[in-house]
Amino acid sequence: MDKCNDFQDQLKKEYVADHFTYAELEENDGDLAKLRNWYAKVRARDVFGASGAQSTRDVLDVCERALEDYAARVYAEESEAR
C-alpha cells in the first residue's frame, strides 16, 4: 500500500509541475505495471489470506484510475500543443 501511495504522490507532483508528456506517462505506466506485478506475486504466495489483500487491491485500483486520468490529461495537452 505504501508503494501505491508513493505512486499517487508522484502523479500529484506531475500535476503541480504541469508536466504532461508522453515520456512521463510512459514512465508512470511502467511504475504501475511494477506495482501490479508485485501485487500478483505477493498474492500468489499468500497462503494465509492476508487481511490487507482487499484494501491493497482497492488502493491499486485507485492508482489505475489516477493513471487513466493523467493519461487523458497528457493526450489533451499534447493535442492542444499541435
Protein backbone atom coordinates (compact mmCIF):
# COMPACT_ATOMS: atom_id res chain seq x y z
CA MET A 1 0.00 0.00 0.00
CA ASP A 2 2.90 2.33 0.71
CA LYS A 3 4.18 1.96 -2.85
CA CYS A 4 0.70 2.75 -4.17
CA ASN A 5 0.64 5.89 -2.05
CA ASP A 6 4.07 6.84 -3.39
CA PHE A 7 2.74 6.33 -6.92
CA GLN A 8 -0.20 8.63 -6.27
CA ASP A 9 2.11 11.24 -4.75
CA GLN A 10 4.27 11.11 -7.88
CA LEU A 11 1.23 11.73 -10.09
CA LYS A 12 0.26 14.69 -7.89
CA LYS A 13 3.74 16.13 -8.41
CA GLU A 14 3.24 15.85 -12.17
CA TYR A 15 0.06 17.91 -11.88
CA VAL A 16 1.69 20.52 -9.66
CA ALA A 17 4.65 20.81 -12.06
CA ASP A 18 2.24 20.95 -15.02
CA HIS A 19 4.25 18.11 -16.54
CA PHE A 20 2.07 16.27 -19.03
CA THR A 21 4.26 14.48 -21.55
CA TYR A 22 4.20 11.11 -23.22
CA ALA A 23 7.57 10.33 -21.65
CA GLU A 24 6.21 10.90 -18.13
CA LEU A 25 3.10 8.90 -18.96
CA GLU A 26 5.23 6.01 -20.16
CA GLU A 27 7.37 6.15 -17.01
CA ASN A 28 4.32 6.22 -14.75
CA ASP A 29 2.71 3.40 -16.72
CA GLY A 30 5.85 1.33 -16.14
CA ASP A 31 5.72 2.10 -12.43
CA LEU A 32 2.10 0.97 -12.26
CA ALA A 33 2.97 -2.22 -14.14
CA LYS A 34 5.62 -2.94 -11.50
CA LEU A 35 3.03 -2.43 -8.75
CA ARG A 36 0.59 -4.78 -10.48
CA ASN A 37 3.26 -7.45 -10.92
CA TRP A 38 4.44 -7.10 -7.35
CA TYR A 39 0.87 -7.41 -6.07
CA ALA A 40 0.30 -10.53 -8.17
CA LYS A 41 3.47 -12.14 -6.83
CA VAL A 42 2.54 -11.36 -3.23
CA ARG A 43 -1.00 -12.69 -3.71
CA ALA A 44 0.34 -15.89 -5.27
CA ARG A 45 2.39 -16.52 -2.12
CA ASP A 46 -0.37 -15.55 0.31
CA VAL A 47 -1.46 -18.95 1.59
CA PHE A 48 -2.99 -17.50 4.76
CA GLY A 49 -5.32 -14.95 3.17
CA ALA A 50 -3.81 -11.72 4.45
CA SER A 51 -6.39 -9.34 5.84
CA GLY A 52 -4.99 -6.38 3.91
CA ALA A 53 -5.23 -8.00 0.50
CA GLN A 54 -8.53 -6.40 -0.49
CA SER A 55 -7.51 -2.99 0.86
CA THR A 56 -4.34 -3.18 -1.19
CA ARG A 57 -6.29 -4.19 -4.30
CA ASP A 58 -8.62 -1.23 -3.73
CA VAL A 59 -5.68 1.18 -3.49
CA LEU A 60 -4.17 -0.36 -6.63
CA ASP A 61 -7.49 0.25 -8.41
CA VAL A 62 -7.31 3.91 -7.31
CA CYS A 63 -3.81 4.10 -8.81
CA GLU A 64 -5.07 2.65 -12.08
CA ARG A 65 -7.88 5.21 -12.30
CA ALA A 66 -5.47 8.02 -11.38
CA LEU A 67 -3.15 6.99 -14.20
CA GLU A 68 -6.10 6.88 -16.62
CA ASP A 69 -6.99 10.43 -15.62
CA TYR A 70 -3.38 11.52 -16.01
CA ALA A 71 -3.20 9.86 -19.44
CA ALA A 72 -6.32 11.70 -20.55
CA ARG A 73 -4.70 14.96 -19.49
CA VAL A 74 -1.47 14.10 -21.32
CA TYR A 75 -3.37 13.35 -24.52
CA ALA A 76 -5.35 16.57 -24.18
CA GLU A 77 -2.23 18.65 -23.56
CA GLU A 78 -0.33 17.04 -26.43
CA SER A 79 -3.20 17.53 -28.88
CA GLU A 80 -3.51 21.20 -27.89
CA ALA A 81 0.21 21.68 -28.48
CA ARG A 82 -0.14 20.57 -32.10
